[in-house]
C-alpha atoms as a PDB file:
ATOM      1  CA  MET A   1     -52.709  55.991  39.798  1.00  0.00           C
ATOM      2  CA  GLY A   2     -53.318  54.746  36.298  1.00  0.00           C
ATOM      3  CA  CYS A   3     -55.380  51.824  35.190  1.00  0.00           C
ATOM      4  CA  LEU A   4     -54.715  49.735  32.131  1.00  0.00           C
ATOM      5  CA  THR A   5     -57.533  47.907  30.456  1.00  0.00           C
ATOM      6  CA  VAL A   6     -57.210  44.379  29.089  1.00  0.00           C
ATOM      7  CA  THR A   7     -56.590  44.711  25.401  1.00  0.00           C
ATOM      8  CA  PRO A   8     -56.087  42.166  22.612  1.00  0.00           C
ATOM      9  CA  TYR A   9     -52.608  40.604  22.499  1.00  0.00           C
ATOM     10  CA  TYR A  10     -51.505  42.735  19.589  1.00  0.00           C
ATOM     11  CA  ASN A  11     -52.335  45.908  21.528  1.00  0.00           C
ATOM     12  CA  ARG A  12     -50.667  45.032  24.799  1.00  0.00           C
ATOM     13  CA  PRO A  13     -48.265  47.764  25.875  1.00  0.00           C
ATOM     14  CA  THR A  14     -44.559  47.288  25.807  1.00  0.00           C
ATOM     15  CA  GLN A  15     -42.428  47.939  28.860  1.00  0.00           C
ATOM     16  CA  GLU A  16     -41.509  51.289  27.321  1.00  0.00           C
ATOM     17  CA  GLY A  17     -45.184  52.011  26.829  1.00  0.00           C
ATOM     18  CA  LEU A  18     -45.901  51.210  30.501  1.00  0.00           C
ATOM     19  CA  PHE A  19     -43.026  53.456  31.536  1.00  0.00           C
ATOM     20  CA  GLN A  20     -44.272  56.377  29.420  1.00  0.00           C
ATOM     21  CA  HIS A  21     -47.882  55.846  30.570  1.00  0.00           C
ATOM     22  CA  PHE A  22     -47.095  55.959  34.307  1.00  0.00           C
ATOM     23  CA  LYS A  23     -44.490  58.721  33.820  1.00  0.00           C
ATOM     24  CA  ALA A  24     -47.150  60.907  32.137  1.00  0.00           C
ATOM     25  CA  ILE A  25     -49.568  60.310  34.970  1.00  0.00           C
ATOM     26  CA  ALA A  26     -46.941  61.096  37.640  1.00  0.00           C
ATOM     27  CA  ASN A  27     -45.872  64.240  35.758  1.00  0.00           C
ATOM     28  CA  SER A  28     -49.470  65.469  35.615  1.00  0.00           C
ATOM     29  CA  THR A  29     -49.797  65.821  39.403  1.00  0.00           C
ATOM     30  CA  SER A  30     -47.801  66.320  42.550  1.00  0.00           C
ATOM     31  CA  LEU A  31     -49.812  63.640  44.356  1.00  0.00           C
ATOM     32  CA  PRO A  32     -47.901  60.507  45.459  1.00  0.00           C
ATOM     33  CA  GLN A  33     -48.433  57.527  43.101  1.00  0.00           C
ATOM     34  CA  MET A  34     -48.545  53.784  43.774  1.00  0.00           C
ATOM     35  CA  LEU A  35     -47.951  51.513  40.785  1.00  0.00           C
ATOM     36  CA  TYR A  36     -50.239  48.518  40.481  1.00  0.00           C
ATOM     37  CA  ASN A  37     -48.942  45.394  38.766  1.00  0.00           C
ATOM     38  CA  VAL A  38     -51.705  42.866  38.213  1.00  0.00           C
ATOM     39  CA  PRO A  39     -51.073  40.911  34.987  1.00  0.00           C
ATOM     40  CA  SER A  40     -54.157  38.744  35.462  1.00  0.00           C
ATOM     41  CA  ARG A  41     -56.300  41.848  34.964  1.00  0.00           C
ATOM     42  CA  THR A  42     -54.213  43.945  32.574  1.00  0.00           C
ATOM     43  CA  GLY A  43     -52.837  41.223  30.323  1.00  0.00           C
ATOM     44  CA  CYS A  44     -49.259  42.491  30.822  1.00  0.00           C
ATOM     45  CA  ASP A  45     -46.592  42.281  33.496  1.00  0.00           C
ATOM     46  CA  MET A  46     -44.689  45.375  34.655  1.00  0.00           C
ATOM     47  CA  LEU A  47     -41.176  43.965  34.976  1.00  0.00           C
ATOM     48  CA  PRO A  48     -38.840  44.921  37.885  1.00  0.00           C
ATOM     49  CA  GLU A  49     -36.598  46.922  35.508  1.00  0.00           C
ATOM     50  CA  THR A  50     -39.565  49.071  34.492  1.00  0.00           C
ATOM     51  CA  VAL A  51     -40.563  49.524  38.150  1.00  0.00           C
ATOM     52  CA  ALA A  52     -36.990  50.646  38.875  1.00  0.00           C
ATOM     53  CA  ARG A  53     -37.116  53.300  36.147  1.00  0.00           C
ATOM     54  CA  LEU A  54     -40.474  54.508  37.416  1.00  0.00           C
ATOM     55  CA  ALA A  55     -39.222  54.548  41.000  1.00  0.00           C
ATOM     56  CA  GLU A  56     -36.769  57.300  39.978  1.00  0.00           C
ATOM     57  CA  ILE A  57     -39.727  59.650  39.433  1.00  0.00           C
ATOM     58  CA  LYS A  58     -40.166  61.683  42.629  1.00  0.00           C
ATOM     59  CA  ASN A  59     -43.847  61.125  43.324  1.00  0.00           C
ATOM     60  CA  ILE A  60     -43.906  57.417  42.384  1.00  0.00           C
ATOM     61  CA  ILE A  61     -43.435  56.067  45.914  1.00  0.00           C
ATOM     62  CA  GLY A  62     -44.273  52.357  45.693  1.00  0.00           C
ATOM     63  CA  ILE A  63     -45.969  49.424  44.035  1.00  0.00           C
ATOM     64  CA  LYS A  64     -48.798  47.018  44.751  1.00  0.00           C
ATOM     65  CA  GLU A  65     -47.242  43.831  43.341  1.00  0.00           C
ATOM     66  CA  ALA A  66     -50.068  41.373  42.691  1.00  0.00           C
ATOM     67  CA  THR A  67     -48.358  38.659  40.690  1.00  0.00           C
ATOM     68  CA  GLY A  68     -48.041  36.317  43.654  1.00  0.00           C
ATOM     69  CA  ASN A  69     -44.407  35.803  42.522  1.00  0.00           C
ATOM     70  CA  LEU A  70     -42.412  36.117  45.746  1.00  0.00           C
ATOM     71  CA  SER A  71     -39.097  36.486  43.928  1.00  0.00           C
ATOM     72  CA  ARG A  72     -40.379  39.920  42.826  1.00  0.00           C
ATOM     73  CA  VAL A  73     -39.749  41.285  46.322  1.00  0.00           C
ATOM     74  CA  SER A  74     -35.960  40.846  46.131  1.00  0.00           C
ATOM     75  CA  GLN A  75     -35.822  41.612  42.381  1.00  0.00           C
ATOM     76  CA  ILE A  76     -37.458  44.997  42.915  1.00  0.00           C
ATOM     77  CA  GLN A  77     -35.620  45.719  46.211  1.00  0.00           C
ATOM     78  CA  GLU A  78     -32.279  45.266  44.430  1.00  0.00           C
ATOM     79  CA  LEU A  79     -33.189  47.945  41.875  1.00  0.00           C
ATOM     80  CA  VAL A  80     -34.889  50.664  43.951  1.00  0.00           C
ATOM     81  CA  ASN A  81     -34.076  52.899  46.893  1.00  0.00           C
ATOM     82  CA  GLU A  82     -34.989  51.457  50.326  1.00  0.00           C
ATOM     83  CA  ASP A  83     -37.714  54.062  50.848  1.00  0.00           C
ATOM     84  CA  PHE A  84     -39.686  52.668  47.827  1.00  0.00           C
ATOM     85  CA  ILE A  85     -42.750  50.916  49.250  1.00  0.00           C
ATOM     86  CA  LEU A  86     -43.523  47.355  48.230  1.00  0.00           C
ATOM     87  CA  VAL A  87     -46.949  45.996  49.161  1.00  0.00           C
ATOM     88  CA  SER A  88     -48.523  42.732  48.192  1.00  0.00           C
ATOM     89  CA  GLY A  89     -51.676  42.569  46.176  1.00  0.00           C
ATOM     90  CA  ASP A  90     -52.145  38.861  46.743  1.00  0.00           C
ATOM     91  CA  ASP A  91     -53.628  37.761  50.048  1.00  0.00           C
ATOM     92  CA  ALA A  92     -52.513  34.110  49.752  1.00  0.00           C
ATOM     93  CA  THR A  93     -48.820  35.083  49.520  1.00  0.00           C
ATOM     94  CA  ALA A  94     -48.932  38.383  51.492  1.00  0.00           C
ATOM     95  CA  LEU A  95     -47.365  37.020  54.715  1.00  0.00           C
ATOM     96  CA  ASP A  96     -44.451  35.514  52.844  1.00  0.00           C
ATOM     97  CA  PHE A  97     -44.140  38.793  50.866  1.00  0.00           C
ATOM     98  CA  MET A  98     -43.921  40.730  54.135  1.00  0.00           C
ATOM     99  CA  GLN A  99     -41.390  38.277  55.619  1.00  0.00           C
ATOM    100  CA  LEU A 100     -39.206  38.947  52.571  1.00  0.00           C
ATOM    101  CA  GLY A 101     -39.331  42.714  53.192  1.00  0.00           C
ATOM    102  CA  GLY A 102     -42.686  43.870  51.859  1.00  0.00           C
ATOM    103  CA  LYS A 103     -44.512  46.510  53.951  1.00  0.00           C
ATOM    104  CA  GLY A 104     -48.064  45.138  53.869  1.00  0.00           C
ATOM    105  CA  VAL A 105     -50.919  44.145  51.677  1.00  0.00           C
ATOM    106  CA  ILE A 106     -53.748  45.818  49.776  1.00  0.00           C
ATOM    107  CA  SER A 107     -56.163  43.060  50.573  1.00  0.00           C
ATOM    108  CA  VAL A 108     -59.410  41.537  49.279  1.00  0.00           C
ATOM    109  CA  THR A 109     -59.758  39.470  52.458  1.00  0.00           C
ATOM    110  CA  ALA A 110     -59.684  42.641  54.556  1.00  0.00           C
ATOM    111  CA  ASN A 111     -63.081  43.568  53.159  1.00  0.00           C
ATOM    112  CA  VAL A 112     -64.657  40.855  55.285  1.00  0.00           C
ATOM    113  CA  ALA A 113     -61.911  40.178  57.887  1.00  0.00           C
ATOM    114  CA  ALA A 114     -60.410  43.592  58.508  1.00  0.00           C
ATOM    115  CA  ARG A 115     -59.518  43.052  62.155  1.00  0.00           C
ATOM    116  CA  GLU A 116     -57.734  39.792  61.323  1.00  0.00           C
ATOM    117  CA  MET A 117     -55.767  41.301  58.416  1.00  0.00           C
ATOM    118  CA  VAL A 118     -54.678  44.255  60.543  1.00  0.00           C
ATOM    119  CA  GLU A 119     -53.521  41.858  63.237  1.00  0.00           C
ATOM    120  CA  LEU A 120     -51.710  39.750  60.628  1.00  0.00           C
ATOM    121  CA  CYS A 121     -49.825  42.780  59.304  1.00  0.00           C
ATOM    122  CA  GLN A 122     -49.026  44.010  62.823  1.00  0.00           C
ATOM    123  CA  LEU A 123     -47.651  40.592  63.827  1.00  0.00           C
ATOM    124  CA  ALA A 124     -45.502  40.631  60.679  1.00  0.00           C
ATOM    125  CA  GLN A 125     -44.220  44.133  61.338  1.00  0.00           C
ATOM    126  CA  GLN A 126     -43.266  43.019  64.872  1.00  0.00           C
ATOM    127  CA  GLY A 127     -41.396  40.074  63.424  1.00  0.00           C
ATOM    128  CA  ASN A 128     -43.768  37.588  65.161  1.00  0.00           C
ATOM    129  CA  PHE A 129     -44.084  35.285  62.187  1.00  0.00           C
ATOM    130  CA  VAL A 130     -45.051  32.272  64.275  1.00  0.00           C
ATOM    131  CA  GLU A 131     -48.324  33.928  65.428  1.00  0.00           C
ATOM    132  CA  ALA A 132     -48.766  35.612  62.047  1.00  0.00           C
ATOM    133  CA  ARG A 133     -48.491  32.260  60.289  1.00  0.00           C
ATOM    134  CA  ARG A 134     -51.039  30.695  62.702  1.00  0.00           C
ATOM    135  CA  LEU A 135     -53.562  33.463  61.888  1.00  0.00           C
ATOM    136  CA  ASN A 136     -52.754  33.355  58.163  1.00  0.00           C
ATOM    137  CA  GLN A 137     -53.350  29.602  58.104  1.00  0.00           C
ATOM    138  CA  ARG A 138     -56.828  30.172  59.575  1.00  0.00           C
ATOM    139  CA  LEU A 139     -57.507  32.701  56.819  1.00  0.00           C
ATOM    140  CA  MET A 140     -55.894  30.825  53.924  1.00  0.00           C
ATOM    141  CA  HIS A 141     -58.979  29.064  52.715  1.00  0.00           C
ATOM    142  CA  LEU A 142     -60.793  32.446  52.679  1.00  0.00           C
ATOM    143  CA  HIS A 143     -57.887  34.127  50.830  1.00  0.00           C
ATOM    144  CA  GLN A 144     -58.215  31.505  48.123  1.00  0.00           C
ATOM    145  CA  THR A 145     -61.998  31.067  48.038  1.00  0.00           C
ATOM    146  CA  LEU A 146     -62.621  34.817  47.588  1.00  0.00           C
ATOM    147  CA  PHE A 147     -61.314  34.194  44.046  1.00  0.00           C
ATOM    148  CA  CYS A 148     -63.483  31.168  43.288  1.00  0.00           C
ATOM    149  CA  GLU A 149     -65.272  33.487  40.823  1.00  0.00           C
ATOM    150  CA  PRO A 150     -64.078  36.872  39.453  1.00  0.00           C
ATOM    151  CA  ASN A 151     -63.351  39.481  42.033  1.00  0.00           C
ATOM    152  CA  PRO A 152     -65.366  41.249  43.541  1.00  0.00           C
ATOM    153  CA  ILE A 153     -68.238  38.782  43.165  1.00  0.00           C
ATOM    154  CA  PRO A 154     -67.373  36.467  46.102  1.00  0.00           C
ATOM    155  CA  VAL A 155     -66.272  39.182  48.451  1.00  0.00           C
ATOM    156  CA  LYS A 156     -69.447  41.252  47.880  1.00  0.00           C
ATOM    157  CA  TRP A 157     -71.552  38.172  48.628  1.00  0.00           C
ATOM    158  CA  ALA A 158     -69.522  37.452  51.757  1.00  0.00           C
ATOM    159  CA  ALA A 159     -69.803  41.043  52.928  1.00  0.00           C
ATOM    160  CA  LYS A 160     -73.581  40.896  52.518  1.00  0.00           C
ATOM    161  CA  GLN A 161     -73.806  37.632  54.447  1.00  0.00           C
ATOM    162  CA  LEU A 162     -71.826  39.214  57.295  1.00  0.00           C
ATOM    163  CA  GLY A 163     -74.120  42.266  57.347  1.00  0.00           C
ATOM    164  CA  LEU A 164     -71.341  44.611  56.225  1.00  0.00           C
ATOM    165  CA  ILE A 165     -73.236  45.803  53.132  1.00  0.00           C
ATOM    166  CA  ALA A 166     -76.952  45.920  52.247  1.00  0.00           C
ATOM    167  CA  ASN A 167     -76.782  44.081  48.956  1.00  0.00           C
ATOM    168  CA  ASP A 168     -74.367  42.324  46.650  1.00  0.00           C
ATOM    169  CA  THR A 169     -75.550  43.960  43.424  1.00  0.00           C
ATOM    170  CA  LEU A 170     -72.877  44.297  40.746  1.00  0.00           C
ATOM    171  CA  ARG A 171     -72.746  46.152  37.470  1.00  0.00           C
ATOM    172  CA  LEU A 172     -72.928  44.011  34.337  1.00  0.00           C
ATOM    173  CA  PRO A 173     -71.144  42.093  33.008  1.00  0.00           C
ATOM    174  CA  MET A 174     -70.613  40.855  36.569  1.00  0.00           C
ATOM    175  CA  THR A 175     -73.432  38.890  38.094  1.00  0.00           C
ATOM    176  CA  PRO A 176     -74.072  37.660  41.646  1.00  0.00           C
ATOM    177  CA  LEU A 177     -72.206  34.720  43.118  1.00  0.00           C
ATOM    178  CA  THR A 178     -73.478  31.483  41.653  1.00  0.00           C
ATOM    179  CA  ALA A 179     -75.382  28.895  43.621  1.00  0.00           C
ATOM    180  CA  ALA A 180     -72.316  26.673  43.325  1.00  0.00           C
ATOM    181  CA  GLY A 181     -70.059  29.374  44.728  1.00  0.00           C
ATOM    182  CA  GLN A 182     -72.198  30.315  47.720  1.00  0.00           C
ATOM    183  CA  PRO A 183     -71.564  27.210  49.891  1.00  0.00           C
ATOM    184  CA  LYS A 184     -67.814  27.464  49.096  1.00  0.00           C
ATOM    185  CA  VAL A 185     -67.608  31.046  50.334  1.00  0.00           C
ATOM    186  CA  GLU A 186     -69.848  30.270  53.352  1.00  0.00           C
ATOM    187  CA  GLN A 187     -67.566  27.404  54.323  1.00  0.00           C
ATOM    188  CA  ALA A 188     -64.500  29.657  54.018  1.00  0.00           C
ATOM    189  CA  LEU A 189     -66.164  32.260  56.273  1.00  0.00           C
ATOM    190  CA  VAL A 190     -66.820  29.569  58.884  1.00  0.00           C
ATOM    191  CA  LYS A 191     -63.332  28.125  58.635  1.00  0.00           C
ATOM    192  CA  ALA A 192     -61.923  31.666  59.102  1.00  0.00           C
ATOM    193  CA  GLY A 193     -63.956  32.054  62.302  1.00  0.00           C
ATOM    194  CA  LEU A 194     -66.113  34.819  60.872  1.00  0.00           C
ATOM    195  CA  ARG A 195     -69.401  32.884  61.249  1.00  0.00           C
END
């Protein structure tokens, strides 16, 4: 899987550049590849038409679609084979994404609420969206609050508070969760039933 870095506006890749980049990666290995579309981190959006072109490459098997734009599910589904895997990369909209045909979520929340996120996905796969929605509503404040500061700052602090990791040290330029952010994340953990 490739990773694009945020570049100045004038250096942002075109859709053709994205296609060529991921094609080159896929052609360099026989390993299965998942695309990752996260415009908030890369500064560019991989459009459904580009995804469709890439989906024709044998070992590109799916995409983590992290725009939070639910219309992307149907837009991509219309352009790819039904075995192409669509997973959400946005916890706050993941349940709706799955209800529209997505296969799951690559989750930030799961770092601190793994059991709950597994249950949420299982309920969605079973078509039990009433119970899934009930659980998701309990987690919604956590989904949102884990982004009160740049990821992974809040989730590392939360994981430390829950005893899941020994420390919340980050590499610069990231710094620990601010004093203002700590009570927000603590409250979200309580509201989610994790404390």
